[in-house]
């Protein structure tokens, strides 16, 4: 379960970095950070769902 927390936290950090980059005007970097954040958050969600399904939905 720790890997889900790590991936979720990393995804949120990447999204925060995207906001900071967008505010500072570096839109190319902000776009990259949004993609990275999305990938991390999606992988965290997929791992969480897989683990939840393997436990029988408890």
Protein backbone atom coordinates (compact mmCIF):
# COMPACT_ATOMS: atom_id res chain seq x y z
CA UNK A 1 0.00 0.00 0.00
CA UNK A 2 2.97 2.32 0.50
CA UNK A 3 3.62 2.45 -3.24
CA UNK A 4 0.10 3.84 -3.75
CA UNK A 5 0.75 6.59 -1.21
CA UNK A 6 4.14 7.38 -2.76
CA UNK A 7 2.74 7.57 -6.29
CA UNK A 8 -0.19 9.70 -5.17
CA UNK A 9 2.08 12.07 -3.28
CA UNK A 10 4.48 12.32 -6.20
CA UNK A 11 1.57 13.04 -8.54
CA UNK A 12 0.33 15.86 -6.33
CA UNK A 13 3.84 17.31 -6.11
CA UNK A 14 4.15 17.27 -9.92
CA UNK A 15 0.79 19.03 -10.22
CA UNK A 16 1.88 21.66 -7.69
CA UNK A 17 5.05 22.17 -9.72
CA UNK A 18 2.87 22.59 -12.82
CA UNK A 19 0.89 25.35 -11.11
CA UNK A 20 4.06 27.14 -10.05
CA UNK A 21 5.52 26.83 -13.55
CA UNK A 22 2.29 28.07 -15.10
CA UNK A 23 2.23 31.11 -12.82
CA UNK A 24 5.85 31.90 -13.62
CA UNK A 25 5.09 31.73 -17.35
CA UNK A 26 6.90 28.57 -18.32
CA UNK A 27 3.95 26.90 -20.04
CA UNK A 28 5.97 24.17 -21.78
CA UNK A 29 7.33 22.98 -18.45
CA UNK A 30 3.90 23.28 -16.84
CA UNK A 31 2.45 21.07 -19.58
CA UNK A 32 5.16 18.47 -18.98
CA UNK A 33 4.52 18.54 -15.22
CA UNK A 34 0.78 18.10 -15.75
CA UNK A 35 1.44 15.02 -17.86
CA UNK A 36 3.86 13.60 -15.27
CA UNK A 37 1.42 14.30 -12.45
CA UNK A 38 -1.38 12.63 -14.36
CA UNK A 39 0.71 9.55 -15.04
CA UNK A 40 1.67 9.21 -11.39
CA UNK A 41 -1.90 9.73 -10.18
CA UNK A 42 -3.28 7.28 -12.74
CA UNK A 43 -0.75 4.63 -11.75
CA UNK A 44 -1.60 5.18 -8.07
CA UNK A 45 -5.30 4.80 -8.81
CA UNK A 46 -4.75 1.67 -10.92
CA UNK A 47 -2.59 0.06 -8.21
CA UNK A 48 -5.12 0.96 -5.52
CA UNK A 49 -8.00 -0.46 -7.56
CA UNK A 50 -6.07 -3.65 -8.36
CA UNK A 51 -5.19 -4.14 -4.69
CA UNK A 52 -8.77 -3.44 -3.64
CA UNK A 53 -10.13 -5.96 -6.17
CA UNK A 54 -7.63 -8.62 -5.14
CA UNK A 55 -8.79 -8.35 -1.52
CA UNK A 56 -12.37 -9.07 -2.55
CA UNK A 57 -13.65 -5.53 -2.19
CA UNK A 58 -13.43 -5.36 1.60
